[in-house]
C-alpha atoms as a PDB file:
ATOM      1  CA  UNK A   1       0.042   0.315  -0.386  1.00  0.00           C
ATOM      2  CA  UNK A   2       0.535   3.634  -1.141  1.00  0.00           C
ATOM      3  CA  UNK A   3       1.152   5.758   1.535  1.00  0.00           C
ATOM      4  CA  UNK A   4       0.202   9.513   0.901  1.00  0.00           C
ATOM      5  CA  UNK A   5       1.162  12.524   2.642  1.00  0.00           C
ATOM      6  CA  UNK A   6      -0.772  16.027   3.166  1.00  0.00           C
ATOM      7  CA  UNK A   7       2.109  18.114   1.404  1.00  0.00           C
ATOM      8  CA  UNK A   8       1.302  16.136  -1.943  1.00  0.00           C
ATOM      9  CA  UNK A   9      -1.512  17.522  -2.609  1.00  0.00           C
ATOM     10  CA  UNK A  10      -1.310  21.336  -1.163  1.00  0.00           C
ATOM     11  CA  UNK A  11       0.540  22.012  -4.387  1.00  0.00           C
ATOM     12  CA  UNK A  12      -2.082  21.165  -6.708  1.00  0.00           C
ATOM     13  CA  UNK A  13      -4.708  23.255  -4.685  1.00  0.00           C
ATOM     14  CA  UNK A  14      -2.616  26.226  -4.729  1.00  0.00           C
ATOM     15  CA  UNK A  15      -1.581  26.443  -8.451  1.00  0.00           C
ATOM     16  CA  UNK A  16      -5.244  25.650  -9.258  1.00  0.00           C
ATOM     17  CA  UNK A  17      -6.442  28.898  -6.575  1.00  0.00           C
ATOM     18  CA  UNK A  18      -4.338  30.988  -8.185  1.00  0.00           C
ATOM     19  CA  UNK A  19      -5.477  30.740 -11.776  1.00  0.00           C
ATOM     20  CA  UNK A  20      -8.936  31.161 -10.244  1.00  0.00           C
ATOM     21  CA  UNK A  21      -7.362  34.759  -8.928  1.00  0.00           C
ATOM     22  CA  UNK A  22      -6.323  35.779 -12.446  1.00  0.00           C
ATOM     23  CA  UNK A  23      -9.093  34.926 -14.133  1.00  0.00           C
ATOM     24  CA  UNK A  24     -11.353  37.971 -13.509  1.00  0.00           C
ATOM     25  CA  UNK A  25     -11.431  41.363 -14.223  1.00  0.00           C
ATOM     26  CA  UNK A  26      -9.161  44.117 -13.129  1.00  0.00           C
ATOM     27  CA  UNK A  27     -10.267  47.397 -12.516  1.00  0.00           C
ATOM     28  CA  UNK A  28      -8.843  49.130 -14.885  1.00  0.00           C
ATOM     29  CA  UNK A  29     -10.314  46.851 -17.313  1.00  0.00           C
ATOM     30  CA  UNK A  30     -13.950  47.249 -15.994  1.00  0.00           C
ATOM     31  CA  UNK A  31     -13.665  51.348 -15.472  1.00  0.00           C
ATOM     32  CA  UNK A  32     -12.053  51.558 -19.577  1.00  0.00           C
ATOM     33  CA  UNK A  33     -14.884  48.941 -20.947  1.00  0.00           C
ATOM     34  CA  UNK A  34     -17.883  51.766 -18.899  1.00  0.00           C
ATOM     35  CA  UNK A  35     -16.063  54.354 -20.658  1.00  0.00           C
ATOM     36  CA  UNK A  36     -16.204  53.112 -24.371  1.00  0.00           C
ATOM     37  CA  UNK A  37     -20.192  52.455 -23.136  1.00  0.00           C
ATOM     38  CA  UNK A  38     -20.703  55.406 -21.840  1.00  0.00           C
ATOM     39  CA  UNK A  39     -18.910  57.229 -24.888  1.00  0.00           C
ATOM     40  CA  UNK A  40     -21.454  54.948 -27.338  1.00  0.00           C
ATOM     41  CA  UNK A  41     -23.965  55.983 -25.420  1.00  0.00           C
ATOM     42  CA  UNK A  42     -23.931  59.551 -25.452  1.00  0.00           C
ATOM     43  CA  UNK A  43     -23.305  60.029 -28.957  1.00  0.00           C
ATOM     44  CA  UNK A  44     -26.683  57.869 -29.904  1.00  0.00           C
ATOM     45  CA  UNK A  45     -28.166  60.676 -27.524  1.00  0.00           C
ATOM     46  CA  UNK A  46     -27.130  63.199 -29.517  1.00  0.00           C
ATOM     47  CA  UNK A  47     -28.000  61.408 -32.661  1.00  0.00           C
ATOM     48  CA  UNK A  48     -31.246  60.399 -31.184  1.00  0.00           C
ATOM     49  CA  UNK A  49     -31.952  64.414 -30.845  1.00  0.00           C
ATOM     50  CA  UNK A  50     -32.367  65.342 -34.484  1.00  0.00           C
ATOM     51  CA  UNK A  51     -34.617  62.308 -34.862  1.00  0.00           C
ATOM     52  CA  UNK A  52     -36.591  63.703 -32.346  1.00  0.00           C
ATOM     53  CA  UNK A  53     -36.756  66.728 -33.721  1.00  0.00           C
ATOM     54  CA  UNK A  54     -37.813  65.417 -37.304  1.00  0.00           C
ATOM     55  CA  UNK A  55     -40.334  63.682 -35.374  1.00  0.00           C
ATOM     56  CA  UNK A  56     -41.940  66.727 -34.027  1.00  0.00           C
ATOM     57  CA  UNK A  57     -42.486  68.730 -37.323  1.00  0.00           C
ATOM     58  CA  UNK A  58     -44.650  65.438 -38.473  1.00  0.00           C
ATOM     59  CA  UNK A  59     -46.383  65.816 -35.299  1.00  0.00           C
ATOM     60  CA  UNK A  60     -47.278  69.772 -36.240  1.00  0.00           C
ATOM     61  CA  UNK A  61     -48.146  68.585 -39.807  1.00  0.00           C
ATOM     62  CA  UNK A  62     -50.084  65.835 -38.619  1.00  0.00           C
ATOM     63  CA  UNK A  63     -52.073  68.795 -36.275  1.00  0.00           C
ATOM     64  CA  UNK A  64     -52.212  71.141 -39.259  1.00  0.00           C
ATOM     65  CA  UNK A  65     -54.328  68.453 -41.585  1.00  0.00           C
ATOM     66  CA  UNK A  66     -56.478  67.594 -38.799  1.00  0.00           C
ATOM     67  CA  UNK A  67     -57.420  70.729 -37.678  1.00  0.00           C
ATOM     68  CA  UNK A  68     -57.770  72.052 -41.011  1.00  0.00           C
ATOM     69  CA  UNK A  69     -60.549  69.270 -41.739  1.00  0.00           C
ATOM     70  CA  UNK A  70     -62.002  70.482 -38.561  1.00  0.00           C
ATOM     71  CA  UNK A  71     -62.170  74.271 -39.716  1.00  0.00           C
ATOM     72  CA  UNK A  72     -63.494  73.036 -43.160  1.00  0.00           C
ATOM     73  CA  UNK A  73     -66.692  71.039 -41.691  1.00  0.00           C
ATOM     74  CA  UNK A  74     -67.240  74.710 -39.370  1.00  0.00           C
ATOM     75  CA  UNK A  75     -67.098  76.557 -42.506  1.00  0.00           C
ATOM     76  CA  UNK A  76     -69.425  73.688 -44.090  1.00  0.00           C
ATOM     77  CA  UNK A  77     -72.203  74.154 -41.043  1.00  0.00           C
ATOM     78  CA  UNK A  78     -71.958  77.782 -40.354  1.00  0.00           C
ATOM     79  CA  UNK A  79     -71.362  79.238 -43.719  1.00  0.00           C
ATOM     80  CA  UNK A  80     -67.743  80.688 -43.421  1.00  0.00           C
ATOM     81  CA  UNK A  81     -64.497  79.863 -41.151  1.00  0.00           C
ATOM     82  CA  UNK A  82     -64.193  81.349 -37.716  1.00  0.00           C
ATOM     83  CA  UNK A  83     -63.200  84.705 -37.390  1.00  0.00           C
ATOM     84  CA  UNK A  84     -59.146  85.761 -35.752  1.00  0.00           C
ATOM     85  CA  UNK A  85     -61.057  87.126 -33.158  1.00  0.00           C
ATOM     86  CA  UNK A  86     -63.192  83.965 -32.382  1.00  0.00           C
ATOM     87  CA  UNK A  87     -59.816  81.559 -33.450  1.00  0.00           C
ATOM     88  CA  UNK A  88     -59.456  78.265 -32.816  1.00  0.00           C
ATOM     89  CA  UNK A  89     -61.823  77.870 -30.003  1.00  0.00           C
ATOM     90  CA  UNK A  90     -64.802  78.339 -32.193  1.00  0.00           C
ATOM     91  CA  UNK A  91     -64.101  74.442 -33.035  1.00  0.00           C
ATOM     92  CA  UNK A  92     -64.453  73.400 -29.168  1.00  0.00           C
ATOM     93  CA  UNK A  93     -67.113  76.489 -28.327  1.00  0.00           C
ATOM     94  CA  UNK A  94     -69.866  78.494 -29.655  1.00  0.00           C
ATOM     95  CA  UNK A  95     -68.710  81.612 -30.850  1.00  0.00           C
ATOM     96  CA  UNK A  96     -70.408  84.535 -28.995  1.00  0.00           C
ATOM     97  CA  UNK A  97     -68.887  87.241 -31.337  1.00  0.00           C
ATOM     98  CA  UNK A  98     -69.988  87.910 -34.470  1.00  0.00           C
ATOM     99  CA  UNK A  99     -69.852  86.433 -37.497  1.00  0.00           C
ATOM    100  CA  UNK A 100     -72.165  84.247 -35.471  1.00  0.00           C
ATOM    101  CA  UNK A 101     -72.739  80.773 -37.032  1.00  0.00           C
ATOM    102  CA  UNK A 102     -75.789  79.870 -38.903  1.00  0.00           C
ATOM    103  CA  UNK A 103     -75.601  76.024 -37.629  1.00  0.00           C
ATOM    104  CA  UNK A 104     -72.434  75.328 -34.992  1.00  0.00           C
ATOM    105  CA  UNK A 105     -71.556  71.859 -33.501  1.00  0.00           C
ATOM    106  CA  UNK A 106     -69.309  71.247 -31.749  1.00  0.00           C
ATOM    107  CA  UNK A 107     -65.706  69.901 -33.866  1.00  0.00           C
ATOM    108  CA  UNK A 108     -63.670  69.248 -31.148  1.00  0.00           C
ATOM    109  CA  UNK A 109     -63.201  68.385 -27.639  1.00  0.00           C
ATOM    110  CA  UNK A 110     -59.780  70.273 -27.216  1.00  0.00           C
ATOM    111  CA  UNK A 111     -57.428  72.343 -28.947  1.00  0.00           C
ATOM    112  CA  UNK A 112     -54.146  70.244 -29.659  1.00  0.00           C
ATOM    113  CA  UNK A 113     -51.107  71.488 -28.471  1.00  0.00           C
ATOM    114  CA  UNK A 114     -48.084  72.002 -30.405  1.00  0.00           C
ATOM    115  CA  UNK A 115     -45.142  69.277 -29.739  1.00  0.00           C
ATOM    116  CA  UNK A 116     -43.432  72.121 -27.032  1.00  0.00           C
ATOM    117  CA  UNK A 117     -46.714  72.422 -25.206  1.00  0.00           C
ATOM    118  CA  UNK A 118     -47.830  76.097 -26.575  1.00  0.00           C
ATOM    119  CA  UNK A 119     -50.866  76.693 -28.458  1.00  0.00           C
ATOM    120  CA  UNK A 120     -51.285  76.548 -32.849  1.00  0.00           C
ATOM    121  CA  UNK A 121     -51.802  80.388 -33.756  1.00  0.00           C
ATOM    122  CA  UNK A 122     -55.246  81.157 -36.134  1.00  0.00           C
ATOM    123  CA  UNK A 123     -55.239  83.610 -38.903  1.00  0.00           C
ATOM    124  CA  UNK A 124     -58.014  84.553 -40.841  1.00  0.00           C
ATOM    125  CA  UNK A 125     -57.244  85.571 -43.440  1.00  0.00           C
ATOM    126  CA  UNK A 126     -53.974  83.988 -44.263  1.00  0.00           C
ATOM    127  CA  UNK A 127     -50.831  85.631 -45.029  1.00  0.00           C
ATOM    128  CA  UNK A 128     -49.740  83.546 -48.345  1.00  0.00           C
ATOM    129  CA  UNK A 129     -54.018  82.584 -49.265  1.00  0.00           C
ATOM    130  CA  UNK A 130     -56.041  85.400 -48.124  1.00  0.00           C
ATOM    131  CA  UNK A 131     -59.162  82.946 -49.351  1.00  0.00           C
ATOM    132  CA  UNK A 132     -57.965  80.330 -46.518  1.00  0.00           C
ATOM    133  CA  UNK A 133     -57.154  80.308 -42.501  1.00  0.00           C
ATOM    134  CA  UNK A 134     -53.592  79.928 -41.474  1.00  0.00           C
ATOM    135  CA  UNK A 135     -52.139  77.727 -38.764  1.00  0.00           C
ATOM    136  CA  UNK A 136     -48.861  78.847 -37.020  1.00  0.00           C
ATOM    137  CA  UNK A 137     -46.425  76.960 -35.003  1.00  0.00           C
ATOM    138  CA  UNK A 138     -43.640  78.902 -33.319  1.00  0.00           C
ATOM    139  CA  UNK A 139     -41.657  75.731 -33.142  1.00  0.00           C
ATOM    140  CA  UNK A 140     -39.090  74.853 -30.401  1.00  0.00           C
ATOM    141  CA  UNK A 141     -37.813  78.439 -29.513  1.00  0.00           C
ATOM    142  CA  UNK A 142     -41.738  79.665 -29.514  1.00  0.00           C
ATOM    143  CA  UNK A 143     -40.252  82.782 -30.622  1.00  0.00           C
ATOM    144  CA  UNK A 144     -42.594  84.230 -33.702  1.00  0.00           C
ATOM    145  CA  UNK A 145     -40.281  85.397 -36.456  1.00  0.00           C
ATOM    146  CA  UNK A 146     -37.154  82.856 -36.169  1.00  0.00           C
ATOM    147  CA  UNK A 147     -36.108  79.854 -38.477  1.00  0.00           C
ATOM    148  CA  UNK A 148     -38.202  76.964 -36.872  1.00  0.00           C
ATOM    149  CA  UNK A 149     -41.738  78.592 -36.852  1.00  0.00           C
ATOM    150  CA  UNK A 150     -43.898  76.467 -39.422  1.00  0.00           C
ATOM    151  CA  UNK A 151     -47.292  77.466 -41.167  1.00  0.00           C
ATOM    152  CA  UNK A 152     -49.934  75.656 -42.406  1.00  0.00           C
ATOM    153  CA  UNK A 153     -49.677  77.354 -46.296  1.00  0.00           C
ATOM    154  CA  UNK A 154     -46.109  76.577 -46.696  1.00  0.00           C
ATOM    155  CA  UNK A 155     -44.962  74.627 -49.338  1.00  0.00           C
ATOM    156  CA  UNK A 156     -44.420  70.784 -47.463  1.00  0.00           C
END
């Protein structure tokens, strides 16, 4: 019979333990990987910002079409478009000022707001086509006369 001593197996256990200790990632490697991920995410967020702006423009175009349809329905019932003084509220509440509609029905429950939370501006007659109303959105900055303004009478 062979007698085994405890010191024969001790070096094997130490080798296995030392390999297991070195099998993980160092703190420096983790920090580098997290830094790379943060840079990729930052670039993606920057690119997505421009996509959300184009999405907002699409929402404005959709709102213009919806409100223009409601204004046409108002004209079919009332005989004319709401005056500039009556504004878009004539689609929600019966106007009390002239010209009073001959037939009125509530066309919209509430008026939509632009993607930046501001109300659309209504002008009748319009500035480019005087026979039709004009809807205006002052864009992201909310200021009149700036580059980001949009009109329902602008070519699309």
